[in-house]
Amino acid sequence: MSANLVFDPIIFKLQSRGGISSIFELLIPDLRSSFNVIDFKYKFIDYLVPWKKVYYFSQFVDRKCESHYFFSSYLSRPNKKFRGKYFFIIHDCINEEYSSNIKRFFHMILTKRCLQRADGIIFVSEYTRIEFLKRYNLNGRCRDIVIGNPIKPDLFIPRQRILNNDGFLLFIGNRLMHYKNFDFAVRLSASAGIKLCVIGQPFSTGEMDKIKLYGIQFELHSDVDHLSKFQFLSSALALIYPSFIEGFGIPIIEAQHVFCPVISVKEADWVKANFGNSTYEMPSDFKEIDVKIMLNNLKDEVFRAELTERGKANSENFILPKIASKYKDFIYSL
């Protein structure tokens, strides 16, 4: 008989599609083959602050004590009567690093509240684990593990493509209020003289002003499905991923799996910690000579092939069957 696994899909209220919610779109169907997955229907309350509705105080009540595991996709927890094992995921430490004081305060209170009850914590990367443990202490019984985010290879067919033209630079964003480090992408597109294609939501006024200021060619594509996204990736000169801090960086793995080079920011320690030397590093204050060298390298067949082969090898560590197997082993070990 399969063990009962209660899943709290709270993440979908914070991010309905893409980004970290895509992890669970892939993972939960796979876990259903090994567990009796019970979807927890949560309720939510509003904080008296303007930045969002918050759902974290919702509690799962298992009155018959029949559930073996409670899996929270973000910062929710079962009530004290729950007798099973409780674990949750830490996706990043961005709120601790960059949020306003009031948002950081509430976020850290909620995190500590979950830590008090946790039997297990899954970190999406070693970098996230290191940053988290600088700020929080685990309780004595809590087990922790690093398991990366999955990609599903049968959604697309990876194929190596060596470009014979200038192609385009691709930027993938999942914005809440603005695209992160969008200025870097626009400046790089302008300096390289190459069109910038953006997959994401409509630009803000400030972002459109930036595009007009630099006079770049651009395309914006919203509501792009998986197949179309990978067609963009396999046709691009490179994916620009200029984040200075992330928990994991799913678009990097997706790009690498279809042999698309990834341009990252040289100062981003998280990229080196998570992916080693599998991306092309550009300084955030790049000069004209840096762009010229980048273009020569990315258009050189030997250099491009070596870089994309390293990326492809890296991406193989994160295909869904491998990641799902790690989740199942960890859950049963609690």
Protein backbone atom coordinates (compact mmCIF):
# COMPACT_ATOMS: atom_id res chain seq x y z
CA MET A 1 0.00 0.00 0.00
CA SER A 2 1.38 3.42 -0.96
CA ALA A 3 2.24 5.90 1.76
CA ASN A 4 0.03 9.00 2.00
CA LEU A 5 1.80 12.18 0.93
CA VAL A 6 -0.05 15.42 1.57
CA PHE A 7 1.08 18.10 -0.89
CA ASP A 8 0.44 21.77 -0.21
CA PRO A 9 0.54 23.58 -3.58
CA ILE A 10 0.83 26.98 -1.94
CA ILE A 11 3.51 28.04 -4.42
CA PHE A 12 0.91 28.30 -7.20
CA LYS A 13 -0.80 31.14 -5.36
CA LEU A 14 2.47 33.04 -5.25
CA GLN A 15 3.59 32.16 -8.79
CA SER A 16 0.91 30.58 -10.93
CA ARG A 17 3.20 29.43 -13.74
CA GLY A 18 6.85 29.25 -14.69
CA GLY A 19 9.78 29.74 -12.33
CA ILE A 20 9.75 27.62 -9.21
CA SER A 21 6.11 26.55 -9.71
CA SER A 22 7.26 24.56 -12.76
CA ILE A 23 9.26 22.30 -10.43
CA PHE A 24 6.06 20.90 -8.97
CA GLU A 25 4.26 20.72 -12.31
CA LEU A 26 6.89 18.14 -13.24
CA LEU A 27 7.63 16.53 -9.90
CA ILE A 28 4.21 15.82 -8.37
CA PRO A 29 2.87 13.69 -11.25
CA ASP A 30 6.01 11.56 -10.97
CA LEU A 31 5.63 11.20 -7.18
CA ARG A 32 2.08 9.91 -7.68
CA SER A 33 3.58 6.69 -9.00
CA SER A 34 5.12 5.99 -5.58
CA PHE A 35 2.81 7.79 -3.13
CA ASN A 36 -0.87 8.38 -2.61
CA VAL A 37 -0.64 12.14 -3.13
CA ILE A 38 -3.35 14.13 -1.35
CA ASP A 39 -3.75 17.68 -2.62
CA PHE A 40 -4.25 19.98 0.34
CA LYS A 41 -6.89 22.68 -0.22
CA TYR A 42 -5.56 25.68 1.67
CA LYS A 43 -7.20 28.85 2.89
CA PHE A 44 -5.48 32.19 3.07
CA ILE A 45 -5.44 35.38 5.08
CA ASP A 46 -4.29 38.88 4.22
CA TYR A 47 -1.54 40.69 6.03
CA LEU A 48 -2.23 44.36 6.62
CA VAL A 49 0.60 45.30 4.28
CA PRO A 50 0.26 46.18 0.61
CA TRP A 51 2.84 43.97 -1.04
CA LYS A 52 0.92 40.72 -1.33
CA LYS A 53 -1.65 38.34 0.01
CA VAL A 54 -0.02 35.71 2.19
CA TYR A 55 -1.17 32.16 2.62
CA TYR A 56 1.40 30.73 5.00
CA PHE A 57 -0.72 30.39 8.14
CA SER A 58 -2.94 27.82 6.51
CA GLN A 59 -2.59 24.53 8.40
CA PHE A 60 -3.36 20.99 7.35
CA VAL A 61 -5.35 19.03 9.91
CA ASP A 62 -5.18 15.25 9.69
CA ARG A 63 -7.88 14.26 12.18
CA LYS A 64 -7.54 10.54 11.51
CA CYS A 65 -3.73 10.61 11.65
CA GLU A 66 -3.53 8.62 8.42
CA SER A 67 -1.03 10.73 6.53
CA HIS A 68 2.61 9.74 6.53
CA TYR A 69 4.21 12.82 4.98
CA PHE A 70 3.42 16.52 4.54
CA PHE A 71 5.21 18.22 1.65
CA SER A 72 5.04 22.02 1.54
CA SER A 73 6.00 23.74 -1.69
CA TYR A 74 6.84 26.89 0.25
CA LEU A 75 6.37 28.07 3.85
CA SER A 76 3.32 26.27 5.20
CA ARG A 77 3.13 23.52 7.79
CA PRO A 78 0.70 21.00 9.31
CA ASN A 79 -0.82 21.64 12.70
CA LYS A 80 0.50 20.14 15.92
CA LYS A 81 -1.78 17.09 15.73
CA PHE A 82 -0.12 15.87 12.57
CA ARG A 83 1.85 12.70 13.36
CA GLY A 84 3.64 12.17 10.08
CA LYS A 85 6.90 13.56 8.73
CA TYR A 86 6.97 17.17 7.57
CA PHE A 87 9.40 18.64 5.05
CA PHE A 88 9.61 21.69 2.83
CA ILE A 89 11.79 23.29 0.15
CA ILE A 90 14.05 26.30 0.40
CA HIS A 91 14.24 27.86 -3.06
CA ASP A 92 16.53 30.83 -2.35
CA CYS A 93 17.47 33.51 0.18
CA ILE A 94 16.46 36.50 -1.93
CA ASN A 95 13.90 37.79 0.60
CA GLU A 96 16.52 37.71 3.34
CA GLU A 97 18.99 39.58 1.16
CA TYR A 98 16.95 42.15 -0.74
CA SER A 99 13.46 42.61 0.72
CA SER A 100 12.27 45.63 2.66
CA ASN A 101 12.54 45.43 6.44
CA ILE A 102 8.89 44.54 7.05
CA LYS A 103 8.80 41.90 4.31
CA ARG A 104 12.10 40.41 5.49
CA PHE A 105 10.83 40.33 9.08
CA PHE A 106 7.64 38.41 8.23
CA HIS A 107 9.47 36.07 5.88
CA MET A 108 12.08 35.13 8.47
CA ILE A 109 9.43 34.64 11.17
CA LEU A 110 7.55 32.26 8.87
CA THR A 111 10.74 30.40 7.97
CA LYS A 112 11.71 29.93 11.63
CA ARG A 113 8.17 28.79 12.38
CA CYS A 114 8.50 26.05 9.77
CA LEU A 115 11.96 25.09 10.98
CA GLN A 116 10.60 24.37 14.47
CA ARG A 117 8.47 21.54 13.09
CA ALA A 118 10.55 20.31 10.16
CA ASP A 119 11.78 16.74 9.88
CA GLY A 120 13.47 17.52 6.58
CA ILE A 121 14.52 20.39 4.33
CA ILE A 122 15.36 20.23 0.65
CA PHE A 123 17.66 22.92 -0.74
CA VAL A 124 17.59 23.44 -4.50
CA SER A 125 21.35 24.09 -4.64
CA GLU A 126 24.49 24.00 -2.53
CA TYR A 127 24.72 27.78 -2.83
CA THR A 128 21.21 28.15 -1.36
CA ARG A 129 22.09 25.78 1.47
CA ILE A 130 25.23 27.75 2.38
CA GLU A 131 23.40 31.09 2.33
CA PHE A 132 20.47 29.70 4.34
CA LEU A 133 22.66 28.23 7.08
CA LYS A 134 24.35 31.62 7.53
CA ARG A 135 21.00 32.93 8.73
CA TYR A 136 19.14 30.02 10.35
CA ASN A 137 19.81 27.08 12.64
CA LEU A 138 18.27 23.69 11.94
CA ASN A 139 16.57 21.85 14.77
CA GLY A 140 18.37 18.78 16.07
CA ARG A 141 16.25 16.16 14.30
CA CYS A 142 15.97 17.90 10.92
CA ARG A 143 17.67 16.25 7.96
CA ASP A 144 18.71 18.35 5.00
CA ILE A 145 19.72 17.55 1.46
CA VAL A 146 20.55 19.37 -1.77
CA ILE A 147 18.40 18.32 -4.74
CA GLY A 148 18.38 20.44 -7.87
CA ASN A 149 15.33 21.42 -9.88
CA PRO A 150 14.18 19.09 -12.66
CA ILE A 151 13.72 19.50 -16.38
CA LYS A 152 11.69 17.08 -18.47
CA PRO A 153 13.71 16.06 -21.52
CA ASP A 154 10.82 14.56 -23.47
CA LEU A 155 9.23 18.01 -23.75
CA PHE A 156 11.77 18.80 -26.42
CA ILE A 157 14.45 17.23 -28.57
CA PRO A 158 17.94 18.48 -27.76
CA ARG A 159 20.01 19.17 -30.86
CA GLN A 160 23.31 20.90 -31.36
CA ARG A 161 23.21 23.90 -33.66
CA ILE A 162 26.21 25.91 -34.82
CA LEU A 163 25.01 29.29 -36.06
CA ASN A 164 26.13 30.71 -39.40
CA ASN A 165 24.59 34.14 -38.78
CA ASP A 166 24.21 36.66 -35.99
CA GLY A 167 21.02 35.06 -34.65
CA PHE A 168 19.59 36.85 -31.61
CA LEU A 169 20.17 37.13 -27.89
CA LEU A 170 17.45 35.62 -25.70
CA PHE A 171 16.29 36.87 -22.31
CA ILE A 172 13.75 34.86 -20.28
CA GLY A 173 12.05 36.64 -17.41
CA ASN A 174 9.33 35.77 -14.91
CA ARG A 175 8.62 39.19 -13.55
CA LEU A 176 6.61 40.30 -10.54
CA MET A 177 7.22 44.05 -10.81
CA HIS A 178 10.20 44.28 -13.17
CA TYR A 179 12.70 42.12 -15.00
CA LYS A 180 15.80 41.49 -12.93
CA ASN A 181 18.97 43.08 -14.30
CA PHE A 182 17.23 43.94 -17.56
CA ASP A 183 19.67 46.82 -18.05
CA PHE A 184 22.50 44.32 -18.59
CA ALA A 185 20.58 42.55 -21.36
CA VAL A 186 19.70 45.79 -23.15
CA ARG A 187 23.26 47.14 -22.93
CA LEU A 188 24.71 43.86 -24.21
CA SER A 189 22.26 43.75 -27.12
CA ALA A 190 23.12 47.35 -28.03
CA SER A 191 26.89 46.81 -27.78
CA ALA A 192 26.74 43.60 -29.82
CA GLY A 193 24.39 45.06 -32.42
CA ILE A 194 22.18 41.97 -32.13
CA LYS A 195 18.41 41.79 -31.68
CA LEU A 196 17.11 41.01 -28.18
CA CYS A 197 14.23 38.55 -27.90
CA VAL A 198 12.40 38.51 -24.57
CA ILE A 199 10.10 35.75 -23.33
CA GLY A 200 7.90 37.08 -20.57
CA GLN A 201 5.31 39.67 -19.61
CA PRO A 202 4.86 43.14 -21.18
CA PHE A 203 7.51 45.71 -20.43
CA SER A 204 7.08 48.38 -17.80
CA THR A 205 7.34 52.04 -18.78
CA GLY A 206 10.87 52.20 -17.41
CA GLU A 207 11.93 49.13 -19.40
CA MET A 208 10.49 50.56 -22.61
CA ASP A 209 12.31 53.82 -21.94
CA LYS A 210 15.55 51.84 -21.57
CA ILE A 211 14.95 50.05 -24.89
CA LYS A 212 14.28 53.34 -26.65
CA LEU A 213 17.33 54.96 -25.08
CA TYR A 214 19.67 52.30 -26.51
CA GLY A 215 17.73 51.98 -29.76
CA ILE A 216 17.94 48.18 -29.91
CA GLN A 217 15.96 45.82 -32.09
CA PHE A 218 13.71 43.68 -29.90
CA GLU A 219 10.86 41.19 -29.86
CA LEU A 220 8.58 40.38 -26.92
CA HIS A 221 6.88 36.98 -26.75
CA SER A 222 4.30 36.30 -24.02
CA ASP A 223 2.45 33.07 -23.20
CA VAL A 224 5.13 30.91 -24.80
CA ASP A 225 4.65 27.16 -24.30
CA HIS A 226 7.44 24.70 -23.56
CA LEU A 227 7.96 23.60 -27.16
CA SER A 228 8.14 27.16 -28.46
CA LYS A 229 10.52 28.16 -25.68
CA PHE A 230 12.96 25.42 -26.57
CA GLN A 231 12.72 26.35 -30.24
CA PHE A 232 13.81 29.86 -29.26
CA LEU A 233 16.64 28.46 -27.13
CA SER A 234 17.95 26.17 -29.84
CA SER A 235 17.98 29.05 -32.35
CA ALA A 236 19.56 31.77 -30.18
CA LEU A 237 23.15 32.93 -30.29
CA ALA A 238 22.97 32.70 -26.49
CA LEU A 239 20.68 33.02 -23.48
CA ILE A 240 21.43 36.05 -21.30
CA TYR A 241 20.99 35.21 -17.62
CA PRO A 242 22.43 38.18 -15.69
CA SER A 243 21.12 37.53 -12.16
CA PHE A 244 23.52 38.33 -9.34
CA ILE A 245 21.68 36.00 -6.94
CA GLU A 246 19.34 33.08 -7.54
CA GLY A 247 18.46 29.91 -5.76
CA PHE A 248 18.92 27.69 -8.80
CA GLY A 249 18.34 29.15 -12.28
CA ILE A 250 16.07 26.80 -14.25
CA PRO A 251 16.44 28.61 -17.62
CA ILE A 252 20.19 27.90 -17.51
CA ILE A 253 19.59 24.14 -17.39
CA GLU A 254 16.89 24.31 -20.07
CA ALA A 255 19.20 26.24 -22.38
CA GLN A 256 22.14 23.93 -21.77
CA HIS A 257 20.05 20.88 -22.55
CA VAL A 258 19.48 22.12 -26.11
CA PHE A 259 23.10 23.23 -26.61
CA CYS A 260 22.37 26.93 -26.16
CA PRO A 261 25.27 28.90 -24.60
CA VAL A 262 24.42 30.85 -21.45
CA ILE A 263 25.89 34.28 -20.73
CA SER A 264 26.09 34.90 -16.99
CA VAL A 265 27.46 37.76 -14.91
CA LYS A 266 31.06 37.18 -13.87
CA GLU A 267 30.43 38.51 -10.36
CA ALA A 268 27.57 36.03 -9.72
CA ASP A 269 29.02 33.54 -7.23
CA TRP A 270 25.87 31.42 -7.31
CA VAL A 271 26.45 30.46 -10.96
CA LYS A 272 29.92 29.11 -10.24
CA ALA A 273 28.68 27.28 -7.14
CA ASN A 274 25.76 25.65 -8.95
CA PHE A 275 27.07 25.11 -12.48
CA GLY A 276 30.85 25.38 -12.44
CA ASN A 277 32.42 26.50 -15.72
CA SER A 278 29.46 25.62 -17.95
CA THR A 279 28.43 29.25 -18.70
CA TYR A 280 30.11 32.15 -20.49
CA GLU A 281 30.97 34.82 -17.93
CA MET A 282 30.74 38.53 -18.76
CA PRO A 283 31.68 41.32 -16.33
CA SER A 284 28.68 43.42 -15.33
CA ASP A 285 30.56 46.57 -16.41
CA PHE A 286 31.66 45.04 -19.72
CA LYS A 287 33.57 47.11 -22.22
CA GLU A 288 33.50 47.11 -26.02
CA ILE A 289 36.49 44.75 -26.14
CA ASP A 290 34.64 42.26 -23.88
CA VAL A 291 31.71 42.20 -26.28
CA LYS A 292 33.98 41.76 -29.30
CA ILE A 293 35.73 38.79 -27.65
CA MET A 294 32.36 37.30 -26.65
CA LEU A 295 31.01 37.47 -30.19
CA ASN A 296 34.16 35.94 -31.65
CA ASN A 297 34.04 33.10 -29.12
CA LEU A 298 30.33 32.32 -29.46
CA LYS A 299 30.59 32.25 -33.24
CA ASP A 300 33.71 30.08 -33.23
CA GLU A 301 32.61 26.51 -33.89
CA VAL A 302 35.25 24.86 -31.68
CA PHE A 303 34.75 27.21 -28.71
CA ARG A 304 30.97 27.03 -28.99
CA ALA A 305 30.98 23.26 -29.21
CA GLU A 306 33.20 22.88 -26.13
CA LEU A 307 31.08 25.31 -24.10
CA THR A 308 27.76 23.76 -25.07
CA GLU A 309 29.04 20.21 -24.47
CA ARG A 310 29.98 21.22 -20.91
CA GLY A 311 26.53 22.72 -20.52
CA LYS A 312 24.81 19.62 -21.89
CA ALA A 313 26.75 17.40 -19.49
CA ASN A 314 25.75 19.66 -16.61
CA SER A 315 22.07 19.59 -17.59
CA GLU A 316 22.01 15.78 -17.57
CA ASN A 317 22.30 15.91 -13.77
CA PHE A 318 18.86 17.52 -13.56
CA ILE A 319 16.60 15.46 -15.78
CA LEU A 320 13.32 14.53 -14.12
CA PRO A 321 13.86 10.78 -13.48
CA LYS A 322 17.12 11.45 -11.60
CA ILE A 323 15.66 14.30 -9.54
CA ALA A 324 12.42 12.44 -8.76
CA SER A 325 14.43 9.41 -7.59
CA LYS A 326 16.39 11.62 -5.18
CA TYR A 327 13.14 13.04 -3.79
CA LYS A 328 11.68 9.58 -3.22
CA ASP A 329 14.82 8.32 -1.49
CA PHE A 330 14.89 11.36 0.78
CA ILE A 331 11.20 11.11 1.70
CA TYR A 332 11.49 7.44 2.63
CA SER A 333 14.60 8.19 4.71
CA LEU A 334 12.77 10.59 7.05
